[in-house]
Amino acid sequence: MIKLFLGNRSVVLFLLPFVIAIYVMLNTSSNYFTYSTVSNFGFWGTQKMPFSILTSQIIASFFILFNAVGINAIFNWNEFFGRNSFMPSLLYIILMSFYHSFYEIDGLLVAHSCIITTLFQLFKLRQNEEGRKLVFNSAFLIGVAATFHPPLLFIMPIVIFMIWTIRPVVVRELVLALLGFGIPMIYAGLYLLFTKAKINFQLLEVHENYNRHQFDFLVSSGIFLFSFFLSVISIQANIKKSSIRLKKLVQILWWLIFTSIALGLMDYFYFNQIERFNLLMIPLSFLLTFSFTHKTLFHVANGLFYSTLIYSFVKFFL
């Protein structure tokens, strides 16, 4: 499977819907992640779903597929490998299968799509080219993400650092970034004012399987951590030969990792939940792919990948 997705065969993307469908069917049969009639959409309130659970699953699956393909497109278009690879899309699906948002549409999953689209805009920036449109679009999209997932309100300074990673400081672009971020906030604020909706920062209600999910989180985190260490070693080996631009793109992913860990820790300490750690799956899908490029550590990376894949299915039967 690894060689199949590491190769330059775009046809493997047609396998992704089947992988997603397997996870959804296993969850439906085991009721591992319980379904709710309401979903948290941040500034847009805790909405009662106007459609069936099956429809919610299908919509969530389309978002997961869109996100996976989007990550892979960014990876290939920016030549992280110097050649096409379709491993990031598979990694995103496998990693996200450990989280509730994979199986039911909510504001956090919508925010994933906005963040990925933001990365698409940011990665198009060039140091010596006009960047006002891309800066505005990036800030606007992250503003939309924040309306669906309010803790992302704190990410705007990080986005500015991301922009400055690629481009010099331009006051006009900074103003446009703040304006772009503010527009969705104004509309979301007016919605709250007129509907009197309340923001619920707790993503999920604590349910009977939560202790089991925390155990799975610890197991999967251990595997992710070892894989990540391998990725760091591989990235360090590859980055020396890479262009300055690619080094800057990797720095942007590091900023996103820092932000995701901070939000995940806040979620854990305030609500004793781990759901916000799934924001980490976006940058990890990029970086973990590098672990398969190291000639010496390739077999170790393979073992960790298959351990993650097997456990992602086995957890439904434990």
C-alpha atoms as a PDB file:
ATOM      1  CA  MET A   1       0.000   0.000   0.000  1.00  0.00           C
ATOM      2  CA  ILE A   2       2.819   2.415   0.846  1.00  0.00           C
ATOM      3  CA  LYS A   3       4.548   1.933  -2.509  1.00  0.00           C
ATOM      4  CA  LEU A   4       1.197   2.310  -4.240  1.00  0.00           C
ATOM      5  CA  PHE A   5       0.519   5.750  -2.688  1.00  0.00           C
ATOM      6  CA  LEU A   6       4.139   6.909  -2.797  1.00  0.00           C
ATOM      7  CA  GLY A   7       4.220   6.304  -6.544  1.00  0.00           C
ATOM      8  CA  ASN A   8       3.199   8.722  -9.261  1.00  0.00           C
ATOM      9  CA  ARG A   9      -0.181   7.136 -10.014  1.00  0.00           C
ATOM     10  CA  SER A  10      -3.079   9.527  -9.478  1.00  0.00           C
ATOM     11  CA  VAL A  11      -5.571   6.685  -9.991  1.00  0.00           C
ATOM     12  CA  VAL A  12      -4.972   5.667  -6.346  1.00  0.00           C
ATOM     13  CA  LEU A  13      -7.070   8.677  -5.309  1.00  0.00           C
ATOM     14  CA  PHE A  14     -10.122   6.683  -6.422  1.00  0.00           C
ATOM     15  CA  LEU A  15      -9.371   4.260  -3.566  1.00  0.00           C
ATOM     16  CA  LEU A  16      -9.838   6.969  -0.929  1.00  0.00           C
ATOM     17  CA  PRO A  17     -13.688   6.952  -0.936  1.00  0.00           C
ATOM     18  CA  PHE A  18     -13.624   3.199  -0.294  1.00  0.00           C
ATOM     19  CA  VAL A  19     -11.232   3.627   2.644  1.00  0.00           C
ATOM     20  CA  ILE A  20     -13.502   6.324   4.106  1.00  0.00           C
ATOM     21  CA  ALA A  21     -16.580   4.142   3.573  1.00  0.00           C
ATOM     22  CA  ILE A  22     -14.948   1.227   5.447  1.00  0.00           C
ATOM     23  CA  TYR A  23     -14.264   3.430   8.481  1.00  0.00           C
ATOM     24  CA  VAL A  24     -17.819   4.810   8.459  1.00  0.00           C
ATOM     25  CA  MET A  25     -19.381   1.336   8.199  1.00  0.00           C
ATOM     26  CA  LEU A  26     -17.207  -0.016  11.017  1.00  0.00           C
ATOM     27  CA  ASN A  27     -18.177   2.911  13.224  1.00  0.00           C
ATOM     28  CA  THR A  28     -21.864   2.490  12.408  1.00  0.00           C
ATOM     29  CA  SER A  29     -21.787  -1.203  13.277  1.00  0.00           C
ATOM     30  CA  SER A  30     -19.769  -0.753  16.474  1.00  0.00           C
ATOM     31  CA  ASN A  31     -21.187   2.624  17.592  1.00  0.00           C
ATOM     32  CA  TYR A  32     -17.643   3.498  18.630  1.00  0.00           C
ATOM     33  CA  PHE A  33     -18.206   7.221  18.052  1.00  0.00           C
ATOM     34  CA  THR A  34     -21.787   7.991  19.051  1.00  0.00           C
ATOM     35  CA  TYR A  35     -23.878  10.180  16.787  1.00  0.00           C
ATOM     36  CA  SER A  36     -25.735  13.263  17.973  1.00  0.00           C
ATOM     37  CA  THR A  37     -28.745  15.108  16.619  1.00  0.00           C
ATOM     38  CA  VAL A  38     -26.938  18.433  17.151  1.00  0.00           C
ATOM     39  CA  SER A  39     -23.518  19.677  16.043  1.00  0.00           C
ATOM     40  CA  ASN A  40     -21.352  22.542  17.261  1.00  0.00           C
ATOM     41  CA  PHE A  41     -20.767  25.191  14.566  1.00  0.00           C
ATOM     42  CA  GLY A  42     -19.108  27.853  16.713  1.00  0.00           C
ATOM     43  CA  PHE A  43     -20.478  31.348  16.101  1.00  0.00           C
ATOM     44  CA  TRP A  44     -23.298  29.809  14.086  1.00  0.00           C
ATOM     45  CA  GLY A  45     -24.547  28.011  17.186  1.00  0.00           C
ATOM     46  CA  THR A  46     -25.184  24.427  18.191  1.00  0.00           C
ATOM     47  CA  GLN A  47     -27.442  23.406  15.356  1.00  0.00           C
ATOM     48  CA  LYS A  48     -29.948  20.590  15.275  1.00  0.00           C
ATOM     49  CA  MET A  49     -29.266  18.596  12.137  1.00  0.00           C
ATOM     50  CA  PRO A  50     -32.153  19.005   9.638  1.00  0.00           C
ATOM     51  CA  PHE A  51     -31.251  15.701   8.004  1.00  0.00           C
ATOM     52  CA  SER A  52     -30.697  12.076   8.952  1.00  0.00           C
ATOM     53  CA  ILE A  53     -27.591  10.591  10.567  1.00  0.00           C
ATOM     54  CA  LEU A  54     -26.773   8.880   7.273  1.00  0.00           C
ATOM     55  CA  THR A  55     -26.833  12.229   5.455  1.00  0.00           C
ATOM     56  CA  SER A  56     -24.588  13.743   8.126  1.00  0.00           C
ATOM     57  CA  GLN A  57     -22.148  10.850   7.640  1.00  0.00           C
ATOM     58  CA  ILE A  58     -22.146  11.337   3.869  1.00  0.00           C
ATOM     59  CA  ILE A  59     -21.557  15.099   4.163  1.00  0.00           C
ATOM     60  CA  ALA A  60     -18.716  14.534   6.658  1.00  0.00           C
ATOM     61  CA  SER A  61     -17.189  11.940   4.309  1.00  0.00           C
ATOM     62  CA  PHE A  62     -17.236  14.430   1.422  1.00  0.00           C
ATOM     63  CA  PHE A  63     -15.468  17.000   3.607  1.00  0.00           C
ATOM     64  CA  ILE A  64     -12.849  14.409   4.627  1.00  0.00           C
ATOM     65  CA  LEU A  65     -12.297  13.456   0.989  1.00  0.00           C
ATOM     66  CA  PHE A  66     -12.078  17.116  -0.079  1.00  0.00           C
ATOM     67  CA  ASN A  67      -9.562  17.837   2.677  1.00  0.00           C
ATOM     68  CA  ALA A  68      -7.441  14.789   1.862  1.00  0.00           C
ATOM     69  CA  VAL A  69      -7.311  15.585  -1.861  1.00  0.00           C
ATOM     70  CA  GLY A  70      -6.684  19.268  -1.074  1.00  0.00           C
ATOM     71  CA  ILE A  71      -3.696  18.449   1.133  1.00  0.00           C
ATOM     72  CA  ASN A  72      -2.310  16.169  -1.553  1.00  0.00           C
ATOM     73  CA  ALA A  73      -2.764  18.798  -4.257  1.00  0.00           C
ATOM     74  CA  ILE A  74      -0.873  21.379  -2.174  1.00  0.00           C
ATOM     75  CA  PHE A  75       1.862  18.822  -1.489  1.00  0.00           C
ATOM     76  CA  ASN A  76       2.369  17.989  -5.159  1.00  0.00           C
ATOM     77  CA  TRP A  77       1.896  21.471  -6.622  1.00  0.00           C
ATOM     78  CA  ASN A  78       4.557  22.841  -4.300  1.00  0.00           C
ATOM     79  CA  GLU A  79       6.900  19.931  -5.069  1.00  0.00           C
ATOM     80  CA  PHE A  80       7.645  18.906  -1.502  1.00  0.00           C
ATOM     81  CA  PHE A  81       9.138  15.708  -2.908  1.00  0.00           C
ATOM     82  CA  GLY A  82      10.263  16.966  -6.281  1.00  0.00           C
ATOM     83  CA  ARG A  83       7.860  14.380  -7.705  1.00  0.00           C
ATOM     84  CA  ASN A  84       4.219  13.482  -7.209  1.00  0.00           C
ATOM     85  CA  SER A  85       3.172  11.401  -4.220  1.00  0.00           C
ATOM     86  CA  PHE A  86      -0.292  10.573  -2.917  1.00  0.00           C
ATOM     87  CA  MET A  87       0.691   9.482   0.575  1.00  0.00           C
ATOM     88  CA  PRO A  88      -0.484  12.718   2.316  1.00  0.00           C
ATOM     89  CA  SER A  89      -4.124  12.064   1.356  1.00  0.00           C
ATOM     90  CA  LEU A  90      -4.044   8.522   2.764  1.00  0.00           C
ATOM     91  CA  LEU A  91      -2.294   9.686   5.942  1.00  0.00           C
ATOM     92  CA  TYR A  92      -4.913  12.396   6.535  1.00  0.00           C
ATOM     93  CA  ILE A  93      -7.764   9.883   6.287  1.00  0.00           C
ATOM     94  CA  ILE A  94      -6.101   7.331   8.573  1.00  0.00           C
ATOM     95  CA  LEU A  95      -5.108   9.925  11.172  1.00  0.00           C
ATOM     96  CA  MET A  96      -8.535  11.601  11.172  1.00  0.00           C
ATOM     97  CA  SER A  97     -10.279   8.241  11.659  1.00  0.00           C
ATOM     98  CA  PHE A  98      -9.302   8.496  15.342  1.00  0.00           C
ATOM     99  CA  TYR A  99     -11.544  11.554  15.829  1.00  0.00           C
ATOM    100  CA  HIS A 100     -15.278  12.157  16.052  1.00  0.00           C
ATOM    101  CA  SER A 101     -15.276  14.822  13.298  1.00  0.00           C
ATOM    102  CA  PHE A 102     -14.479  12.104  10.759  1.00  0.00           C
ATOM    103  CA  TYR A 103     -17.929  10.544  11.214  1.00  0.00           C
ATOM    104  CA  GLU A 104     -20.266  13.501  11.676  1.00  0.00           C
ATOM    105  CA  ILE A 105     -20.241  16.997  10.205  1.00  0.00           C
ATOM    106  CA  ASP A 106     -19.403  19.785  12.667  1.00  0.00           C
ATOM    107  CA  GLY A 107     -17.750  23.197  12.751  1.00  0.00           C
ATOM    108  CA  LEU A 108     -14.280  21.787  13.394  1.00  0.00           C
ATOM    109  CA  LEU A 109     -14.373  19.720  10.199  1.00  0.00           C
ATOM    110  CA  VAL A 110     -15.504  22.778   8.220  1.00  0.00           C
ATOM    111  CA  ALA A 111     -12.607  24.703   9.819  1.00  0.00           C
ATOM    112  CA  HIS A 112     -10.223  21.997   8.528  1.00  0.00           C
ATOM    113  CA  SER A 113     -11.359  22.768   4.977  1.00  0.00           C
ATOM    114  CA  CYS A 114     -10.872  26.501   5.531  1.00  0.00           C
ATOM    115  CA  ILE A 115      -7.364  25.998   6.965  1.00  0.00           C
ATOM    116  CA  ILE A 116      -6.339  23.767   4.055  1.00  0.00           C
ATOM    117  CA  THR A 117      -7.651  26.362   1.584  1.00  0.00           C
ATOM    118  CA  THR A 118      -5.724  29.010   3.549  1.00  0.00           C
ATOM    119  CA  LEU A 119      -2.535  26.997   3.099  1.00  0.00           C
ATOM    120  CA  PHE A 120      -3.286  26.816  -0.624  1.00  0.00           C
ATOM    121  CA  GLN A 121      -3.392  30.636  -0.729  1.00  0.00           C
ATOM    122  CA  LEU A 122      -0.341  31.132   1.489  1.00  0.00           C
ATOM    123  CA  PHE A 123       1.773  28.692  -0.497  1.00  0.00           C
ATOM    124  CA  LYS A 124       1.078  30.689  -3.679  1.00  0.00           C
ATOM    125  CA  LEU A 125       2.799  33.757  -2.201  1.00  0.00           C
ATOM    126  CA  ARG A 126       6.138  34.787  -3.703  1.00  0.00           C
ATOM    127  CA  GLN A 127       8.685  37.056  -2.084  1.00  0.00           C
ATOM    128  CA  ASN A 128       9.048  39.487  -4.983  1.00  0.00           C
ATOM    129  CA  GLU A 129       5.546  39.324  -6.473  1.00  0.00           C
ATOM    130  CA  GLU A 130       2.311  41.173  -5.712  1.00  0.00           C
ATOM    131  CA  GLY A 131       0.662  39.434  -2.765  1.00  0.00           C
ATOM    132  CA  ARG A 132      -2.223  41.627  -1.594  1.00  0.00           C
ATOM    133  CA  LYS A 133      -4.968  39.426  -3.047  1.00  0.00           C
ATOM    134  CA  LEU A 134      -3.489  36.228  -1.624  1.00  0.00           C
ATOM    135  CA  VAL A 135      -2.902  37.828   1.793  1.00  0.00           C
ATOM    136  CA  PHE A 136      -6.502  39.074   1.939  1.00  0.00           C
ATOM    137  CA  ASN A 137      -7.870  35.685   0.826  1.00  0.00           C
ATOM    138  CA  SER A 138      -5.749  33.845   3.405  1.00  0.00           C
ATOM    139  CA  ALA A 139      -6.920  36.064   6.250  1.00  0.00           C
ATOM    140  CA  PHE A 140     -10.543  35.910   5.085  1.00  0.00           C
ATOM    141  CA  LEU A 141     -10.504  32.103   4.972  1.00  0.00           C
ATOM    142  CA  ILE A 142      -8.935  31.810   8.416  1.00  0.00           C
ATOM    143  CA  GLY A 143     -11.601  34.239   9.623  1.00  0.00           C
ATOM    144  CA  VAL A 144     -14.296  31.936   8.228  1.00  0.00           C
ATOM    145  CA  ALA A 145     -12.574  29.023   9.991  1.00  0.00           C
ATOM    146  CA  ALA A 146     -12.659  30.957  13.267  1.00  0.00           C
ATOM    147  CA  THR A 147     -16.419  31.542  12.947  1.00  0.00           C
ATOM    148  CA  PHE A 148     -16.939  27.787  12.751  1.00  0.00           C
ATOM    149  CA  HIS A 149     -14.340  27.028  15.437  1.00  0.00           C
ATOM    150  CA  PRO A 150     -13.959  30.064  17.776  1.00  0.00           C
ATOM    151  CA  PRO A 151     -10.634  29.041  19.432  1.00  0.00           C
ATOM    152  CA  LEU A 152      -9.039  29.817  16.041  1.00  0.00           C
ATOM    153  CA  LEU A 153      -9.607  33.508  16.838  1.00  0.00           C
ATOM    154  CA  PHE A 154      -6.136  33.341  18.383  1.00  0.00           C
ATOM    155  CA  ILE A 155      -4.541  32.064  15.184  1.00  0.00           C
ATOM    156  CA  MET A 156      -4.545  35.396  13.324  1.00  0.00           C
ATOM    157  CA  PRO A 157      -1.156  36.549  14.721  1.00  0.00           C
ATOM    158  CA  ILE A 158       0.259  33.161  13.685  1.00  0.00           C
ATOM    159  CA  VAL A 159      -1.101  33.642  10.150  1.00  0.00           C
ATOM    160  CA  ILE A 160       0.662  37.012   9.993  1.00  0.00           C
ATOM    161  CA  PHE A 161       3.919  35.281  11.007  1.00  0.00           C
ATOM    162  CA  MET A 162       3.249  32.704   8.277  1.00  0.00           C
ATOM    163  CA  ILE A 163       2.894  35.491   5.714  1.00  0.00           C
ATOM    164  CA  TRP A 164       6.081  37.161   6.937  1.00  0.00           C
ATOM    165  CA  THR A 165       7.876  33.833   6.629  1.00  0.00           C
ATOM    166  CA  ILE A 166       7.492  34.103   2.855  1.00  0.00           C
ATOM    167  CA  ARG A 167       7.207  37.850   2.266  1.00  0.00           C
ATOM    168  CA  PRO A 168       8.749  40.992   3.768  1.00  0.00           C
ATOM    169  CA  VAL A 169       6.667  43.142   6.135  1.00  0.00           C
ATOM    170  CA  VAL A 170       4.299  45.324   4.062  1.00  0.00           C
ATOM    171  CA  VAL A 171       1.967  47.610   6.020  1.00  0.00           C
ATOM    172  CA  ARG A 172      -0.696  47.635   3.287  1.00  0.00           C
ATOM    173  CA  GLU A 173      -0.810  43.848   3.283  1.00  0.00           C
ATOM    174  CA  LEU A 174      -1.062  43.787   7.081  1.00  0.00           C
ATOM    175  CA  VAL A 175      -4.090  46.109   6.922  1.00  0.00           C
ATOM    176  CA  LEU A 176      -5.678  43.923   4.230  1.00  0.00           C
ATOM    177  CA  ALA A 177      -5.050  40.830   6.368  1.00  0.00           C
ATOM    178  CA  LEU A 178      -6.783  42.382   9.377  1.00  0.00           C
ATOM    179  CA  LEU A 179      -9.662  43.542   7.159  1.00  0.00           C
ATOM    180  CA  GLY A 180     -10.031  40.096   5.587  1.00  0.00           C
ATOM    181  CA  PHE A 181     -10.063  38.416   8.997  1.00  0.00           C
ATOM    182  CA  GLY A 182     -12.523  40.955  10.383  1.00  0.00           C
ATOM    183  CA  ILE A 183     -15.233  40.629   7.706  1.00  0.00           C
ATOM    184  CA  PRO A 184     -16.356  37.085   8.676  1.00  0.00           C
ATOM    185  CA  MET A 185     -16.178  38.120  12.336  1.00  0.00           C
ATOM    186  CA  ILE A 186     -18.592  41.019  11.689  1.00  0.00           C
ATOM    187  CA  TYR A 187     -21.133  38.774   9.967  1.00  0.00           C
ATOM    188  CA  ALA A 188     -20.798  36.093  12.662  1.00  0.00           C
ATOM    189  CA  GLY A 189     -21.159  38.737  15.396  1.00  0.00           C
ATOM    190  CA  LEU A 190     -24.329  40.112  13.779  1.00  0.00           C
ATOM    191  CA  TYR A 191     -25.702  36.575  13.580  1.00  0.00           C
ATOM    192  CA  LEU A 192     -25.073  36.087  17.296  1.00  0.00           C
ATOM    193  CA  LEU A 193     -26.666  39.461  18.060  1.00  0.00           C
ATOM    194  CA  PHE A 194     -29.885  38.863  16.145  1.00  0.00           C
ATOM    195  CA  THR A 195     -30.358  35.160  16.897  1.00  0.00           C
ATOM    196  CA  LYS A 196     -29.100  35.384  20.501  1.00  0.00           C
ATOM    197  CA  ALA A 197     -27.214  32.152  19.905  1.00  0.00           C
ATOM    198  CA  LYS A 198     -24.509  31.151  22.359  1.00  0.00           C
ATOM    199  CA  ILE A 199     -21.018  29.887  21.636  1.00  0.00           C
ATOM    200  CA  ASN A 200     -20.327  26.503  23.197  1.00  0.00           C
ATOM    201  CA  PHE A 201     -16.567  25.935  23.486  1.00  0.00           C
ATOM    202  CA  GLN A 202     -17.059  22.312  24.503  1.00  0.00           C
ATOM    203  CA  LEU A 203     -17.101  20.371  21.248  1.00  0.00           C
ATOM    204  CA  LEU A 204     -18.533  17.109  22.541  1.00  0.00           C
ATOM    205  CA  GLU A 205     -20.649  16.051  25.441  1.00  0.00           C
ATOM    206  CA  VAL A 206     -18.765  13.524  27.608  1.00  0.00           C
ATOM    207  CA  HIS A 207     -20.142  10.089  26.777  1.00  0.00           C
ATOM    208  CA  GLU A 208     -19.716   6.555  28.055  1.00  0.00           C
ATOM    209  CA  ASN A 209     -16.963   5.606  25.601  1.00  0.00           C
ATOM    210  CA  TYR A 210     -14.785   8.606  26.295  1.00  0.00           C
ATOM    211  CA  ASN A 211     -12.295   6.806  28.559  1.00  0.00           C
ATOM    212  CA  ARG A 212     -11.823   4.280  25.774  1.00  0.00           C
ATOM    213  CA  HIS A 213     -11.203   7.111  23.294  1.00  0.00           C
ATOM    214  CA  GLN A 214      -8.599   8.629  25.608  1.00  0.00           C
ATOM    215  CA  PHE A 215      -6.803   5.288  25.769  1.00  0.00           C
ATOM    216  CA  ASP A 216      -6.868   5.071  21.980  1.00  0.00           C
ATOM    217  CA  PHE A 217      -5.566   8.637  21.832  1.00  0.00           C
ATOM    218  CA  LEU A 218      -2.586   7.682  23.996  1.00  0.00           C
ATOM    219  CA  VAL A 219      -1.831   4.629  21.859  1.00  0.00           C
ATOM    220  CA  SER A 220      -2.213   6.483  18.557  1.00  0.00           C
ATOM    221  CA  SER A 221      -0.256   9.480  19.895  1.00  0.00           C
ATOM    222  CA  GLY A 222       2.642   7.192  20.797  1.00  0.00           C
ATOM    223  CA  ILE A 223       2.698   5.830  17.251  1.00  0.00           C
ATOM    224  CA  PHE A 224       2.339   9.350  15.781  1.00  0.00           C
ATOM    225  CA  LEU A 225       5.175  10.604  17.981  1.00  0.00           C
ATOM    226  CA  PHE A 226       7.616   7.927  16.831  1.00  0.00           C
ATOM    227  CA  SER A 227       6.586   8.527  13.214  1.00  0.00           C
ATOM    228  CA  PHE A 228       7.031  12.250  13.716  1.00  0.00           C
ATOM    229  CA  PHE A 229      10.573  11.792  15.049  1.00  0.00           C
ATOM    230  CA  LEU A 230      11.368   9.775  11.936  1.00  0.00           C
ATOM    231  CA  SER A 231       9.873  12.561   9.828  1.00  0.00           C
ATOM    232  CA  VAL A 232      12.005  15.196  11.542  1.00  0.00           C
ATOM    233  CA  ILE A 233      15.152  13.156  10.831  1.00  0.00           C
ATOM    234  CA  SER A 234      14.121  12.724   7.191  1.00  0.00           C
ATOM    235  CA  ILE A 235      13.156  16.388   6.825  1.00  0.00           C
ATOM    236  CA  GLN A 236      16.519  17.492   8.206  1.00  0.00           C
ATOM    237  CA  ALA A 237      18.251  15.242   5.692  1.00  0.00           C
ATOM    238  CA  ASN A 238      16.123  16.497   2.790  1.00  0.00           C
ATOM    239  CA  ILE A 239      15.911  20.164   3.738  1.00  0.00           C
ATOM    240  CA  LYS A 240      19.653  20.684   3.220  1.00  0.00           C
ATOM    241  CA  LYS A 241      19.182  19.890  -0.461  1.00  0.00           C
ATOM    242  CA  SER A 242      15.900  21.799  -0.782  1.00  0.00           C
ATOM    243  CA  SER A 243      15.234  25.282  -2.096  1.00  0.00           C
ATOM    244  CA  ILE A 244      14.867  28.261   0.239  1.00  0.00           C
ATOM    245  CA  ARG A 245      11.183  28.435  -0.677  1.00  0.00           C
ATOM    246  CA  LEU A 246      10.521  24.844   0.397  1.00  0.00           C
ATOM    247  CA  LYS A 247      12.252  25.542   3.716  1.00  0.00           C
ATOM    248  CA  LYS A 248       9.867  28.462   4.253  1.00  0.00           C
ATOM    249  CA  LEU A 249       6.831  26.302   3.480  1.00  0.00           C
ATOM    250  CA  VAL A 250       7.981  23.761   6.058  1.00  0.00           C
ATOM    251  CA  GLN A 251       8.346  26.624   8.570  1.00  0.00           C
ATOM    252  CA  ILE A 252       4.688  27.531   7.968  1.00  0.00           C
ATOM    253  CA  LEU A 253       3.708  23.951   8.783  1.00  0.00           C
ATOM    254  CA  TRP A 254       5.724  24.195  12.006  1.00  0.00           C
ATOM    255  CA  TRP A 255       3.704  27.288  12.977  1.00  0.00           C
ATOM    256  CA  LEU A 256       0.519  25.297  12.370  1.00  0.00           C
ATOM    257  CA  ILE A 257       1.817  22.419  14.502  1.00  0.00           C
ATOM    258  CA  PHE A 258       2.584  24.800  17.376  1.00  0.00           C
ATOM    259  CA  THR A 259      -0.920  26.314  17.180  1.00  0.00           C
ATOM    260  CA  SER A 260      -2.643  22.924  16.972  1.00  0.00           C
ATOM    261  CA  ILE A 261      -0.800  21.579  20.011  1.00  0.00           C
ATOM    262  CA  ALA A 262      -1.689  24.709  22.000  1.00  0.00           C
ATOM    263  CA  LEU A 263      -5.396  24.405  21.133  1.00  0.00           C
ATOM    264  CA  GLY A 264      -5.347  20.662  21.818  1.00  0.00           C
ATOM    265  CA  LEU A 265      -3.838  21.182  25.263  1.00  0.00           C
ATOM    266  CA  MET A 266      -6.433  23.852  26.069  1.00  0.00           C
ATOM    267  CA  ASP A 267      -9.193  21.429  25.067  1.00  0.00           C
ATOM    268  CA  TYR A 268      -7.697  18.712  27.258  1.00  0.00           C
ATOM    269  CA  PHE A 269      -7.151  20.812  30.385  1.00  0.00           C
ATOM    270  CA  TYR A 270     -10.434  22.767  30.222  1.00  0.00           C
ATOM    271  CA  PHE A 271     -12.827  20.086  28.967  1.00  0.00           C
ATOM    272  CA  ASN A 272     -10.872  16.832  29.473  1.00  0.00           C
ATOM    273  CA  GLN A 273     -11.277  16.168  25.750  1.00  0.00           C
ATOM    274  CA  ILE A 274      -8.862  15.528  22.912  1.00  0.00           C
ATOM    275  CA  GLU A 275     -10.905  16.422  19.829  1.00  0.00           C
ATOM    276  CA  ARG A 276      -9.052  19.655  19.013  1.00  0.00           C
ATOM    277  CA  PHE A 277      -5.812  17.727  18.612  1.00  0.00           C
ATOM    278  CA  ASN A 278      -7.195  16.679  15.223  1.00  0.00           C
ATOM    279  CA  LEU A 279      -6.023  20.045  13.845  1.00  0.00           C
ATOM    280  CA  LEU A 280      -2.553  18.486  14.053  1.00  0.00           C
ATOM    281  CA  MET A 281      -3.527  15.986  11.385  1.00  0.00           C
ATOM    282  CA  ILE A 282      -3.281  18.673   8.686  1.00  0.00           C
ATOM    283  CA  PRO A 283       0.454  19.493   9.063  1.00  0.00           C
ATOM    284  CA  LEU A 284       1.294  15.907  10.074  1.00  0.00           C
ATOM    285  CA  SER A 285      -0.122  14.642   6.772  1.00  0.00           C
ATOM    286  CA  PHE A 286       2.535  16.722   5.022  1.00  0.00           C
ATOM    287  CA  LEU A 287       5.450  16.005   7.328  1.00  0.00           C
ATOM    288  CA  LEU A 288       4.915  12.311   8.071  1.00  0.00           C
ATOM    289  CA  THR A 289       5.230  11.608   4.360  1.00  0.00           C
ATOM    290  CA  PHE A 290       8.926  12.493   4.629  1.00  0.00           C
ATOM    291  CA  SER A 291       9.503   9.547   6.976  1.00  0.00           C
ATOM    292  CA  PHE A 292       9.243   7.200   3.973  1.00  0.00           C
ATOM    293  CA  THR A 293      12.094   8.914   2.114  1.00  0.00           C
ATOM    294  CA  HIS A 294      14.924   8.016   4.505  1.00  0.00           C
ATOM    295  CA  LYS A 295      16.745   4.955   3.152  1.00  0.00           C
ATOM    296  CA  THR A 296      17.975   3.787   6.557  1.00  0.00           C
ATOM    297  CA  LEU A 297      14.698   4.341   8.440  1.00  0.00           C
ATOM    298  CA  PHE A 298      12.308   3.319   5.659  1.00  0.00           C
ATOM    299  CA  HIS A 299      11.469  -0.091   7.180  1.00  0.00           C
ATOM    300  CA  VAL A 300      10.865   1.453  10.617  1.00  0.00           C
ATOM    301  CA  ALA A 301       8.531   4.015   9.036  1.00  0.00           C
ATOM    302  CA  ASN A 302       6.731   1.198   7.223  1.00  0.00           C
ATOM    303  CA  GLY A 303       6.238  -0.690  10.474  1.00  0.00           C
ATOM    304  CA  LEU A 304       4.837   2.357  12.241  1.00  0.00           C
ATOM    305  CA  PHE A 305       2.511   3.126   9.342  1.00  0.00           C
ATOM    306  CA  TYR A 306       1.050  -0.392   9.270  1.00  0.00           C
ATOM    307  CA  SER A 307       0.768  -0.377  13.078  1.00  0.00           C
ATOM    308  CA  THR A 308      -1.291   2.817  12.835  1.00  0.00           C
ATOM    309  CA  LEU A 309      -3.385   1.436   9.973  1.00  0.00           C
ATOM    310  CA  ILE A 310      -4.117  -1.848  11.760  1.00  0.00           C
ATOM    311  CA  TYR A 311      -4.956  -0.159  15.064  1.00  0.00           C
ATOM    312  CA  SER A 312      -7.249   2.330  13.299  1.00  0.00           C
ATOM    313  CA  PHE A 313      -9.415  -0.684  12.303  1.00  0.00           C
ATOM    314  CA  VAL A 314      -8.868  -2.855  15.388  1.00  0.00           C
ATOM    315  CA  LYS A 315     -10.072  -0.126  17.760  1.00  0.00           C
ATOM    316  CA  PHE A 316     -13.657  -0.647  16.586  1.00  0.00           C
ATOM    317  CA  PHE A 317     -13.607  -4.233  17.902  1.00  0.00           C
ATOM    318  CA  LEU A 318     -11.890  -3.703  21.274  1.00  0.00           C
END
